[in-house]
Structures are given as C-alpha cells and as structure tokens.
C-alpha atoms as a PDB file:
ATOM      1  CA  MET A   1     -63.333  -5.793  25.908  1.00  0.00           C
ATOM      2  CA  THR A   2     -62.040  -8.906  24.756  1.00  0.00           C
ATOM      3  CA  ALA A   3     -60.353 -10.851  27.530  1.00  0.00           C
ATOM      4  CA  ILE A   4     -56.441 -10.700  27.433  1.00  0.00           C
ATOM      5  CA  LYS A   5     -54.821 -13.982  27.967  1.00  0.00           C
ATOM      6  CA  ILE A   6     -51.348 -13.669  26.549  1.00  0.00           C
ATOM      7  CA  GLY A   7     -48.410 -11.656  28.241  1.00  0.00           C
ATOM      8  CA  ILE A   8     -45.134 -10.831  26.810  1.00  0.00           C
ATOM      9  CA  ILE A   9     -41.961  -9.949  28.566  1.00  0.00           C
ATOM     10  CA  GLY A  10     -39.195  -8.157  26.714  1.00  0.00           C
ATOM     11  CA  GLY A  11     -35.706  -8.521  27.873  1.00  0.00           C
ATOM     12  CA  SER A  12     -32.467  -6.750  27.012  1.00  0.00           C
ATOM     13  CA  GLY A  13     -32.705  -5.338  23.604  1.00  0.00           C
ATOM     14  CA  LEU A  14     -36.537  -5.796  23.315  1.00  0.00           C
ATOM     15  CA  TYR A  15     -38.117  -2.805  24.972  1.00  0.00           C
ATOM     16  CA  ASN A  16     -41.260  -2.609  22.822  1.00  0.00           C
ATOM     17  CA  MET A  17     -43.306  -4.589  20.286  1.00  0.00           C
ATOM     18  CA  GLU A  18     -43.283  -2.657  16.996  1.00  0.00           C
ATOM     19  CA  ALA A  19     -46.369  -4.418  15.669  1.00  0.00           C
ATOM     20  CA  LEU A  20     -48.586  -3.644  18.607  1.00  0.00           C
ATOM     21  CA  GLN A  21     -51.677  -1.633  17.579  1.00  0.00           C
ATOM     22  CA  ASP A  22     -54.456   0.018  19.677  1.00  0.00           C
ATOM     23  CA  VAL A  23     -51.750   0.799  22.315  1.00  0.00           C
ATOM     24  CA  GLU A  24     -52.861   1.881  25.806  1.00  0.00           C
ATOM     25  CA  GLU A  25     -50.339   2.127  28.834  1.00  0.00           C
ATOM     26  CA  LEU A  26     -51.593   0.586  32.085  1.00  0.00           C
ATOM     27  CA  GLN A  27     -50.055   1.953  35.537  1.00  0.00           C
ATOM     28  CA  ILE A  28     -50.813  -0.876  37.947  1.00  0.00           C
ATOM     29  CA  ASP A  29     -50.239  -0.996  41.410  1.00  0.00           C
ATOM     30  CA  THR A  30     -49.756  -4.266  43.379  1.00  0.00           C
ATOM     31  CA  PRO A  31     -49.368  -5.380  46.852  1.00  0.00           C
ATOM     32  CA  PHE A  32     -45.710  -5.874  45.993  1.00  0.00           C
ATOM     33  CA  GLY A  33     -45.175  -2.411  44.712  1.00  0.00           C
ATOM     34  CA  ALA A  34     -45.025  -1.126  40.959  1.00  0.00           C
ATOM     35  CA  PRO A  35     -43.867  -3.346  38.075  1.00  0.00           C
ATOM     36  CA  SER A  36     -40.844  -2.573  36.038  1.00  0.00           C
ATOM     37  CA  ASP A  37     -42.646  -0.289  33.954  1.00  0.00           C
ATOM     38  CA  ALA A  38     -46.200   0.643  32.530  1.00  0.00           C
ATOM     39  CA  LEU A  39     -47.602  -2.491  31.019  1.00  0.00           C
ATOM     40  CA  ILE A  40     -48.587  -1.985  27.391  1.00  0.00           C
ATOM     41  CA  ARG A  41     -51.956  -3.359  26.377  1.00  0.00           C
ATOM     42  CA  GLY A  42     -52.566  -3.756  22.592  1.00  0.00           C
ATOM     43  CA  THR A  43     -53.299  -6.012  19.861  1.00  0.00           C
ATOM     44  CA  LEU A  44     -50.944  -8.236  17.597  1.00  0.00           C
ATOM     45  CA  GLU A  45     -52.885  -9.064  14.392  1.00  0.00           C
ATOM     46  CA  GLY A  46     -56.158  -8.589  16.085  1.00  0.00           C
ATOM     47  CA  THR A  47     -55.296 -10.544  19.242  1.00  0.00           C
ATOM     48  CA  PRO A  48     -55.067  -8.740  22.577  1.00  0.00           C
ATOM     49  CA  VAL A  49     -51.794  -9.047  24.530  1.00  0.00           C
ATOM     50  CA  VAL A  50     -50.009  -7.192  27.177  1.00  0.00           C
ATOM     51  CA  PHE A  51     -46.270  -6.367  27.034  1.00  0.00           C
ATOM     52  CA  LEU A  52     -43.854  -5.279  29.809  1.00  0.00           C
ATOM     53  CA  ALA A  53     -40.136  -4.292  29.310  1.00  0.00           C
ATOM     54  CA  ARG A  54     -38.531  -6.372  32.112  1.00  0.00           C
ATOM     55  CA  HIS A  55     -35.703  -3.781  32.829  1.00  0.00           C
ATOM     56  CA  GLY A  56     -38.000  -0.828  31.969  1.00  0.00           C
ATOM     57  CA  ARG A  57     -38.145   0.887  28.457  1.00  0.00           C
ATOM     58  CA  ASN A  58     -34.812   2.681  29.125  1.00  0.00           C
ATOM     59  CA  HIS A  59     -33.165  -0.224  30.661  1.00  0.00           C
ATOM     60  CA  THR A  60     -32.880   1.315  34.182  1.00  0.00           C
ATOM     61  CA  LEU A  61     -33.202  -1.655  36.508  1.00  0.00           C
ATOM     62  CA  MET A  62     -30.549  -4.294  37.242  1.00  0.00           C
ATOM     63  CA  PRO A  63     -31.500  -7.940  37.490  1.00  0.00           C
ATOM     64  CA  SER A  64     -31.299  -7.920  41.213  1.00  0.00           C
ATOM     65  CA  GLU A  65     -33.557  -4.758  41.388  1.00  0.00           C
ATOM     66  CA  LEU A  66     -36.292  -6.181  39.272  1.00  0.00           C
ATOM     67  CA  PRO A  67     -39.730  -6.175  40.979  1.00  0.00           C
ATOM     68  CA  PHE A  68     -40.403  -9.905  39.960  1.00  0.00           C
ATOM     69  CA  ARG A  69     -43.515 -10.132  42.356  1.00  0.00           C
ATOM     70  CA  ALA A  70     -45.080  -7.028  41.086  1.00  0.00           C
ATOM     71  CA  ASN A  71     -44.508  -7.917  37.542  1.00  0.00           C
ATOM     72  CA  ILE A  72     -46.148 -11.381  37.617  1.00  0.00           C
ATOM     73  CA  TYR A  73     -49.008 -10.056  39.996  1.00  0.00           C
ATOM     74  CA  ALA A  74     -49.857  -7.196  37.411  1.00  0.00           C
ATOM     75  CA  PHE A  75     -50.022  -9.936  34.724  1.00  0.00           C
ATOM     76  CA  LYS A  76     -52.246 -12.036  36.822  1.00  0.00           C
ATOM     77  CA  SER A  77     -54.456  -9.119  37.653  1.00  0.00           C
ATOM     78  CA  LEU A  78     -55.150  -8.730  33.974  1.00  0.00           C
ATOM     79  CA  GLY A  79     -56.088 -12.153  33.394  1.00  0.00           C
ATOM     80  CA  ILE A  80     -52.932 -13.562  31.737  1.00  0.00           C
ATOM     81  CA  GLU A  81     -52.958 -17.291  31.161  1.00  0.00           C
ATOM     82  CA  TYR A  82     -49.776 -17.668  29.003  1.00  0.00           C
ATOM     83  CA  LEU A  83     -46.622 -15.825  29.441  1.00  0.00           C
ATOM     84  CA  ILE A  84     -43.719 -15.607  26.832  1.00  0.00           C
ATOM     85  CA  SER A  85     -40.483 -14.398  28.264  1.00  0.00           C
ATOM     86  CA  ALA A  86     -37.897 -13.147  25.814  1.00  0.00           C
ATOM     87  CA  SER A  87     -34.501 -13.057  27.330  1.00  0.00           C
ATOM     88  CA  ALA A  88     -30.693 -12.405  26.233  1.00  0.00           C
ATOM     89  CA  VAL A  89     -28.453 -15.219  27.330  1.00  0.00           C
ATOM     90  CA  GLY A  90     -24.822 -16.201  27.029  1.00  0.00           C
ATOM     91  CA  SER A  91     -24.147 -19.795  25.513  1.00  0.00           C
ATOM     92  CA  LEU A  92     -22.409 -22.536  27.511  1.00  0.00           C
ATOM     93  CA  LYS A  93     -21.890 -24.805  24.590  1.00  0.00           C
ATOM     94  CA  GLU A  94     -19.991 -24.677  21.427  1.00  0.00           C
ATOM     95  CA  SER A  95     -23.141 -25.903  19.429  1.00  0.00           C
ATOM     96  CA  VAL A  96     -25.310 -23.077  20.698  1.00  0.00           C
ATOM     97  CA  LYS A  97     -24.105 -20.119  18.615  1.00  0.00           C
ATOM     98  CA  PRO A  98     -24.704 -16.300  18.817  1.00  0.00           C
ATOM     99  CA  LEU A  99     -28.014 -15.513  17.227  1.00  0.00           C
ATOM    100  CA  ASP A 100     -29.315 -19.001  17.950  1.00  0.00           C
ATOM    101  CA  MET A 101     -32.669 -19.470  19.907  1.00  0.00           C
ATOM    102  CA  VAL A 102     -33.164 -21.786  22.963  1.00  0.00           C
ATOM    103  CA  VAL A 103     -36.399 -22.817  24.505  1.00  0.00           C
ATOM    104  CA  PRO A 104     -35.098 -24.261  27.779  1.00  0.00           C
ATOM    105  CA  ASP A 105     -37.138 -26.818  29.762  1.00  0.00           C
ATOM    106  CA  GLN A 106     -34.985 -26.679  32.922  1.00  0.00           C
ATOM    107  CA  PHE A 107     -33.304 -24.009  35.299  1.00  0.00           C
ATOM    108  CA  ILE A 108     -30.506 -24.020  37.949  1.00  0.00           C
ATOM    109  CA  ASP A 109     -30.816 -21.389  40.625  1.00  0.00           C
ATOM    110  CA  ARG A 110     -27.560 -19.602  41.389  1.00  0.00           C
ATOM    111  CA  THR A 111     -29.215 -16.454  42.731  1.00  0.00           C
ATOM    112  CA  ARG A 112     -28.769 -15.040  46.278  1.00  0.00           C
ATOM    113  CA  ASN A 113     -30.785 -12.094  46.655  1.00  0.00           C
ATOM    114  CA  ARG A 114     -34.362 -12.734  45.000  1.00  0.00           C
ATOM    115  CA  ILE A 115     -37.738 -13.415  46.566  1.00  0.00           C
ATOM    116  CA  SER A 116     -39.288 -16.032  44.442  1.00  0.00           C
ATOM    117  CA  THR A 117     -42.573 -16.858  46.151  1.00  0.00           C
ATOM    118  CA  PHE A 118     -45.751 -14.719  46.926  1.00  0.00           C
ATOM    119  CA  PHE A 119     -46.485 -16.834  49.919  1.00  0.00           C
ATOM    120  CA  GLY A 120     -45.489 -16.446  53.684  1.00  0.00           C
ATOM    121  CA  ASP A 121     -46.829 -14.268  56.478  1.00  0.00           C
ATOM    122  CA  GLY A 122     -49.098 -17.158  57.612  1.00  0.00           C
ATOM    123  CA  LEU A 123     -49.903 -18.578  54.224  1.00  0.00           C
ATOM    124  CA  VAL A 124     -47.835 -21.571  53.206  1.00  0.00           C
ATOM    125  CA  ALA A 125     -47.787 -23.131  49.744  1.00  0.00           C
ATOM    126  CA  HIS A 126     -45.309 -25.507  48.014  1.00  0.00           C
ATOM    127  CA  ILE A 127     -45.736 -25.592  44.156  1.00  0.00           C
ATOM    128  CA  SER A 128     -44.545 -28.563  42.089  1.00  0.00           C
ATOM    129  CA  PHE A 129     -41.478 -27.388  39.998  1.00  0.00           C
ATOM    130  CA  GLY A 130     -39.906 -30.362  38.710  1.00  0.00           C
ATOM    131  CA  ASP A 131     -40.717 -29.274  35.242  1.00  0.00           C
ATOM    132  CA  PRO A 132     -40.448 -25.517  35.468  1.00  0.00           C
ATOM    133  CA  VAL A 133     -41.520 -24.623  31.867  1.00  0.00           C
ATOM    134  CA  CYS A 134     -44.937 -25.208  30.507  1.00  0.00           C
ATOM    135  CA  SER A 135     -44.328 -27.856  27.906  1.00  0.00           C
ATOM    136  CA  ALA A 136     -47.587 -27.048  25.997  1.00  0.00           C
ATOM    137  CA  LEU A 137     -46.444 -23.299  25.802  1.00  0.00           C
ATOM    138  CA  ALA A 138     -42.971 -24.158  24.768  1.00  0.00           C
ATOM    139  CA  GLY A 139     -44.276 -26.404  22.075  1.00  0.00           C
ATOM    140  CA  VAL A 140     -46.232 -23.865  20.485  1.00  0.00           C
ATOM    141  CA  LEU A 141     -43.175 -21.445  20.816  1.00  0.00           C
ATOM    142  CA  GLU A 142     -40.847 -23.927  19.171  1.00  0.00           C
ATOM    143  CA  GLY A 143     -43.421 -24.543  16.344  1.00  0.00           C
ATOM    144  CA  ALA A 144     -43.553 -20.795  15.586  1.00  0.00           C
ATOM    145  CA  ILE A 145     -39.711 -20.621  15.566  1.00  0.00           C
ATOM    146  CA  ALA A 146     -39.377 -23.488  13.221  1.00  0.00           C
ATOM    147  CA  SER A 147     -42.193 -22.267  10.874  1.00  0.00           C
ATOM    148  CA  LEU A 148     -40.158 -19.043  10.249  1.00  0.00           C
ATOM    149  CA  ASN A 149     -37.017 -20.307   8.886  1.00  0.00           C
ATOM    150  CA  LEU A 150     -35.154 -17.198  10.195  1.00  0.00           C
ATOM    151  CA  PRO A 151     -31.602 -16.500   8.612  1.00  0.00           C
ATOM    152  CA  ASP A 152     -28.628 -17.427  10.874  1.00  0.00           C
ATOM    153  CA  VAL A 153     -30.964 -18.911  13.535  1.00  0.00           C
ATOM    154  CA  THR A 154     -30.868 -22.497  14.905  1.00  0.00           C
ATOM    155  CA  LEU A 155     -33.522 -23.552  17.191  1.00  0.00           C
ATOM    156  CA  HIS A 156     -32.370 -25.723  20.185  1.00  0.00           C
ATOM    157  CA  SER A 157     -35.384 -27.463  21.843  1.00  0.00           C
ATOM    158  CA  GLY A 158     -34.873 -27.985  25.551  1.00  0.00           C
ATOM    159  CA  GLY A 159     -31.653 -27.467  27.629  1.00  0.00           C
ATOM    160  CA  THR A 160     -30.981 -25.997  30.964  1.00  0.00           C
ATOM    161  CA  TYR A 161     -30.797 -22.171  31.730  1.00  0.00           C
ATOM    162  CA  VAL A 162     -28.463 -21.241  34.642  1.00  0.00           C
ATOM    163  CA  CYS A 163     -29.926 -18.291  36.539  1.00  0.00           C
ATOM    164  CA  MET A 164     -26.946 -16.333  38.082  1.00  0.00           C
ATOM    165  CA  GLU A 165     -27.253 -13.254  40.419  1.00  0.00           C
ATOM    166  CA  GLY A 166     -25.223 -10.699  38.509  1.00  0.00           C
ATOM    167  CA  PRO A 167     -24.782  -7.838  37.485  1.00  0.00           C
ATOM    168  CA  ALA A 168     -21.259  -9.022  36.927  1.00  0.00           C
ATOM    169  CA  PHE A 169     -20.799 -11.974  34.522  1.00  0.00           C
ATOM    170  CA  SER A 170     -19.183 -15.317  35.415  1.00  0.00           C
ATOM    171  CA  THR A 171     -15.535 -16.031  36.230  1.00  0.00           C
ATOM    172  CA  LYS A 172     -14.082 -18.579  33.949  1.00  0.00           C
ATOM    173  CA  ALA A 173     -14.135 -21.065  36.979  1.00  0.00           C
ATOM    174  CA  GLU A 174     -17.740 -20.730  37.273  1.00  0.00           C
ATOM    175  CA  SER A 175     -18.576 -20.921  33.581  1.00  0.00           C
ATOM    176  CA  ASN A 176     -16.535 -24.008  33.324  1.00  0.00           C
ATOM    177  CA  LEU A 177     -18.503 -25.334  36.350  1.00  0.00           C
ATOM    178  CA  TYR A 178     -21.785 -24.746  34.678  1.00  0.00           C
ATOM    179  CA  ARG A 179     -20.530 -26.500  31.645  1.00  0.00           C
ATOM    180  CA  SER A 180     -19.608 -29.560  33.645  1.00  0.00           C
ATOM    181  CA  TRP A 181     -23.202 -29.590  34.842  1.00  0.00           C
ATOM    182  CA  GLY A 182     -24.372 -29.979  31.337  1.00  0.00           C
ATOM    183  CA  ALA A 183     -26.087 -26.388  31.410  1.00  0.00           C
ATOM    184  CA  THR A 184     -26.908 -24.878  28.022  1.00  0.00           C
ATOM    185  CA  ILE A 185     -27.123 -21.088  28.488  1.00  0.00           C
ATOM    186  CA  ILE A 186     -26.803 -18.499  31.175  1.00  0.00           C
ATOM    187  CA  GLY A 187     -28.791 -15.406  32.188  1.00  0.00           C
ATOM    188  CA  MET A 188     -29.905 -13.385  35.239  1.00  0.00           C
ATOM    189  CA  THR A 189     -33.667 -13.268  35.223  1.00  0.00           C
ATOM    190  CA  ASN A 190     -35.963 -16.012  34.164  1.00  0.00           C
ATOM    191  CA  LEU A 191     -35.872 -18.352  37.117  1.00  0.00           C
ATOM    192  CA  PRO A 192     -37.679 -15.966  39.593  1.00  0.00           C
ATOM    193  CA  GLU A 193     -40.271 -15.376  36.676  1.00  0.00           C
ATOM    194  CA  ALA A 194     -40.915 -19.047  36.349  1.00  0.00           C
ATOM    195  CA  LYS A 195     -41.365 -19.748  39.822  1.00  0.00           C
ATOM    196  CA  LEU A 196     -43.601 -16.866  40.489  1.00  0.00           C
ATOM    197  CA  ALA A 197     -45.674 -17.493  37.311  1.00  0.00           C
ATOM    198  CA  ARG A 198     -46.368 -20.993  38.412  1.00  0.00           C
ATOM    199  CA  GLU A 199     -47.580 -19.877  41.801  1.00  0.00           C
ATOM    200  CA  ALA A 200     -49.879 -17.446  39.833  1.00  0.00           C
ATOM    201  CA  GLU A 201     -51.047 -20.425  37.757  1.00  0.00           C
ATOM    202  CA  ILE A 202     -49.755 -18.764  34.429  1.00  0.00           C
ATOM    203  CA  ALA A 203     -48.305 -21.073  31.865  1.00  0.00           C
ATOM    204  CA  TYR A 204     -44.643 -19.799  31.276  1.00  0.00           C
ATOM    205  CA  ALA A 205     -41.952 -20.400  28.609  1.00  0.00           C
ATOM    206  CA  THR A 206     -38.563 -18.687  27.859  1.00  0.00           C
ATOM    207  CA  LEU A 207     -37.414 -17.589  24.495  1.00  0.00           C
ATOM    208  CA  ALA A 208     -33.804 -17.370  25.014  1.00  0.00           C
ATOM    209  CA  LEU A 209     -31.830 -15.387  22.434  1.00  0.00           C
ATOM    210  CA  VAL A 210     -28.106 -16.048  22.392  1.00  0.00           C
ATOM    211  CA  THR A 211     -25.861 -12.893  22.153  1.00  0.00           C
ATOM    212  CA  ASP A 212     -22.318 -14.374  22.609  1.00  0.00           C
ATOM    213  CA  TYR A 213     -20.434 -17.107  24.297  1.00  0.00           C
ATOM    214  CA  ASP A 214     -19.915 -17.028  27.933  1.00  0.00           C
ATOM    215  CA  CYS A 215     -16.397 -16.444  29.037  1.00  0.00           C
ATOM    216  CA  TRP A 216     -15.417 -20.181  29.012  1.00  0.00           C
ATOM    217  CA  HIS A 217     -14.942 -19.769  25.207  1.00  0.00           C
ATOM    218  CA  PRO A 218     -11.514 -19.077  23.958  1.00  0.00           C
ATOM    219  CA  ASP A 219     -12.726 -16.307  21.658  1.00  0.00           C
ATOM    220  CA  HIS A 220     -14.625 -14.710  24.348  1.00  0.00           C
ATOM    221  CA  ASP A 221     -12.196 -11.960  25.058  1.00  0.00           C
ATOM    222  CA  SER A 222     -12.213 -10.750  21.311  1.00  0.00           C
ATOM    223  CA  VAL A 223     -15.893  -9.928  21.693  1.00  0.00           C
ATOM    224  CA  THR A 224     -16.624  -6.156  21.800  1.00  0.00           C
ATOM    225  CA  VAL A 225     -19.525  -4.296  23.119  1.00  0.00           C
ATOM    226  CA  GLU A 226     -20.484  -3.411  19.643  1.00  0.00           C
ATOM    227  CA  MET A 227     -20.690  -6.998  18.487  1.00  0.00           C
ATOM    228  CA  VAL A 228     -22.905  -7.824  21.529  1.00  0.00           C
ATOM    229  CA  ILE A 229     -25.139  -4.748  20.902  1.00  0.00           C
ATOM    230  CA  GLY A 230     -25.235  -5.683  17.197  1.00  0.00           C
ATOM    231  CA  ASN A 231     -26.563  -9.231  18.216  1.00  0.00           C
ATOM    232  CA  LEU A 232     -28.989  -7.708  20.647  1.00  0.00           C
ATOM    233  CA  ARG A 233     -30.453  -5.972  17.727  1.00  0.00           C
ATOM    234  CA  LYS A 234     -30.615  -8.743  15.419  1.00  0.00           C
ATOM    235  CA  ASN A 235     -32.229 -11.043  18.032  1.00  0.00           C
ATOM    236  CA  ALA A 236     -34.827  -8.315  18.926  1.00  0.00           C
ATOM    237  CA  VAL A 237     -35.871  -8.212  15.340  1.00  0.00           C
ATOM    238  CA  HIS A 238     -36.255 -12.102  15.310  1.00  0.00           C
ATOM    239  CA  ALA A 239     -37.915 -12.269  18.525  1.00  0.00           C
ATOM    240  CA  GLN A 240     -40.726 -10.001  17.408  1.00  0.00           C
ATOM    241  CA  SER A 241     -41.390 -12.185  14.425  1.00  0.00           C
ATOM    242  CA  VAL A 242     -41.317 -15.192  16.630  1.00  0.00           C
ATOM    243  CA  ILE A 243     -43.777 -13.699  19.318  1.00  0.00           C
ATOM    244  CA  CYS A 244     -46.193 -12.517  16.743  1.00  0.00           C
ATOM    245  CA  GLU A 245     -46.270 -16.073  15.097  1.00  0.00           C
ATOM    246  CA  THR A 246     -46.651 -17.564  18.577  1.00  0.00           C
ATOM    247  CA  VAL A 247     -49.309 -15.203  19.613  1.00  0.00           C
ATOM    248  CA  ARG A 248     -51.321 -16.173  16.280  1.00  0.00           C
ATOM    249  CA  ARG A 249     -50.952 -19.824  17.063  1.00  0.00           C
ATOM    250  CA  LEU A 250     -52.003 -19.314  20.829  1.00  0.00           C
ATOM    251  CA  SER A 251     -55.053 -17.514  19.796  1.00  0.00           C
ATOM    252  CA  ALA A 252     -56.128 -19.982  17.356  1.00  0.00           C
ATOM    253  CA  ASN A 253     -55.692 -22.994  19.634  1.00  0.00           C
ATOM    254  CA  PRO A 254     -54.665 -22.232  23.233  1.00  0.00           C
ATOM    255  CA  PRO A 255     -53.342 -25.342  24.843  1.00  0.00           C
ATOM    256  CA  VAL A 256     -54.292 -26.937  28.190  1.00  0.00           C
ATOM    257  CA  SER A 257     -51.600 -26.393  30.802  1.00  0.00           C
ATOM    258  CA  ASP A 258     -50.937 -28.089  34.114  1.00  0.00           C
ATOM    259  CA  ALA A 259     -49.720 -24.562  35.378  1.00  0.00           C
ATOM    260  CA  HIS A 260     -53.424 -23.298  35.174  1.00  0.00           C
ATOM    261  CA  SER A 261     -54.092 -25.583  38.342  1.00  0.00           C
ATOM    262  CA  ALA A 262     -50.603 -25.321  39.988  1.00  0.00           C
ATOM    263  CA  LEU A 263     -52.159 -24.300  43.434  1.00  0.00           C
ATOM    264  CA  GLN A 264     -54.904 -26.827  43.648  1.00  0.00           C
ATOM    265  CA  TYR A 265     -52.808 -29.085  45.889  1.00  0.00           C
ATOM    266  CA  ALA A 266     -50.077 -26.637  46.748  1.00  0.00           C
ATOM    267  CA  ILE A 267     -51.648 -24.659  49.605  1.00  0.00           C
ATOM    268  CA  LEU A 268     -50.819 -26.299  52.873  1.00  0.00           C
ATOM    269  CA  THR A 269     -52.595 -23.578  55.293  1.00  0.00           C
ATOM    270  CA  PRO A 270     -56.233 -23.996  55.357  1.00  0.00           C
ATOM    271  CA  LEU A 271     -57.716 -20.885  53.928  1.00  0.00           C
ATOM    272  CA  ASP A 272     -60.317 -20.451  56.612  1.00  0.00           C
ATOM    273  CA  LYS A 273     -57.297 -20.323  59.135  1.00  0.00           C
ATOM    274  CA  ALA A 274     -54.987 -18.137  57.088  1.00  0.00           C
ATOM    275  CA  PRO A 275     -54.511 -14.398  58.134  1.00  0.00           C
ATOM    276  CA  THR A 276     -56.934 -12.148  56.448  1.00  0.00           C
ATOM    277  CA  ALA A 277     -54.295  -9.776  55.431  1.00  0.00           C
ATOM    278  CA  ALA A 278     -52.401 -12.726  53.689  1.00  0.00           C
ATOM    279  CA  LYS A 279     -55.423 -13.624  51.736  1.00  0.00           C
ATOM    280  CA  GLU A 280     -56.290 -10.054  50.849  1.00  0.00           C
ATOM    281  CA  ARG A 281     -52.572  -9.551  49.593  1.00  0.00           C
ATOM    282  CA  LEU A 282     -53.066 -12.774  47.424  1.00  0.00           C
ATOM    283  CA  LYS A 283     -56.734 -12.476  46.502  1.00  0.00           C
ATOM    284  CA  VAL A 284     -55.696 -12.166  42.748  1.00  0.00           C
ATOM    285  CA  LEU A 285     -53.996 -15.658  43.002  1.00  0.00           C
ATOM    286  CA  LEU A 286     -56.448 -17.207  45.474  1.00  0.00           C
ATOM    287  CA  GLN A 287     -59.805 -16.035  43.992  1.00  0.00           C
ATOM    288  CA  LYS A 288     -61.098 -19.311  42.740  1.00  0.00           C
ATOM    289  CA  TYR A 289     -60.011 -21.207  45.898  1.00  0.00           C
ATOM    290  CA  LEU A 290     -61.523 -18.763  48.197  1.00  0.00           C
ATOM    291  CA  SER A 291     -64.844 -19.199  46.576  1.00  0.00           C
ATOM    292  CA  THR A 292     -65.022 -22.885  47.020  1.00  0.00           C
END
C-alpha cells in the first residue's frame, strides 16, 4: 500500500470529504484512548489521505472533551507527516469577514483544562514553539486558496488565533481584550492540536473558516443560528475545494518542514534513563531516536 503522509481534520460543518474514494474506516486504539471517531482512509485524486471529524461525525464532542492526544497519536501511527486542520472561527477584525479564510501563523492560549503534551511521567521534552505553524505547509495552503478564486472569499495570510476554553463564547469584555492584543480570529480547538502535532513531528497548518464576527461587533446580536449554519455549510463546500487542491500540491511537491525534526534537541531526559513504560507509551513518536 502507498504510504499515507497527508492527514485532514474537519471541524464544525466539515464532517466528511465528499471527494474521498476507496474509503475505509480505521478504528485505532492509542495509549491515550480512542480518537474522536473512526479515521477515514481513502484517496483524493489518487493521493492517499486520512480524514478525521474532530467533533465526531455527528458532532457529539465539545471542545473541552476532545481527545487531542489520541487524535494526533493516531495520525502519527499511520505515518502522517502533513496535517491540514479546518476550523470554524469567529472574527476579531472588521476586515476579516464571514466566509473569509485565514491561515494563521500565531496562537494565544486561553484554555484551562487541556492536556497539550504527550510527555511526562519520567520523560521530559520541551519543543520549540515560537513559530507554532509550519510555514512551508501554510504556504502550500495559501497557494491553493489563491489559485481557486472562490466567490465571496478573501484570503488573509497570517494572523493570530485566540484559542479559548469554551463551550460558551466570549463576553464582550473578553472579545475587546483580544482585539486590543491585535488578535485576528477566535476558536476553541487548534492550539492543543498544534502543540501535539509539533511534538509528534508533524507539519501542521490551520485553514480557519470565518462564520461570523465575535460579539465585539455591533451587528453581532442580529446574527441568527440560521445565518451561522448557512455560513458553516458554505465554508464546508469551499474547504473541500481548498483541501483537494492542497493535497494535489503536497503530493506533487511535499515541502521540507522543520517540524519533522522537532524532537531532535527537545528531549531532556536521556532515553536510556527514561522509564520503560514512558518509552513504550511514546514509541510511535520516539522510534527514530530510540534506534540511534
């Protein structure tokens, strides 16, 4: 079987990839429990990929309930090297309109109850995270978006994603605070994914799909559930086109990523001194370092 190197995470509104062919569901167990749902292996225009619905295919998991470690570990166990994460977000800037797409390059962590590392229990690592998104993968994603000339969509290259705890949305005071920090968009899921993907040496980039303005906006109170769901559906259609084009470009010319060697100088505990149980739990991540 052809090696699978490209993974896709679908957020709110994107629960499947309609263009997937030769589909097979994979039930994967990990040391961190089960992923959000079965991982879907298939091909997009002949390129093997794996898709996961972040919240489950029927949207049964809240952001704080997501098994982030199991999700990323499962992708790593399948040999994934590039991970495209599609996510619904709110806008913190007037210029970033509903239906626009943002490929952020920074995050601010406002979560409280997330475990965002695989390490611990006698095995210590500190990854570099100053640039939390793989710029090479983000560049491929941006090129794909720009090439499609999608109607009603403006691409915003770069920007800061505030990751909040949820499930409630922001207060107006919080929303205006994030705006004063210069943040661009707000969501509830992508920062733990980005941290864990870096520890797993997977190149990670976010395709942020704007559904509405956050509550700072004077017109926010006139936004209805129907309007948001309508934007989610439009965004899902656009996201599928972008992901297909990104996969095509990645398959033709996979970029070199610093993320692929993120653990090289990050592990502080000598592996010959680390507990056997910890090394066994993380063997999918540590394999190339254990053999040297």
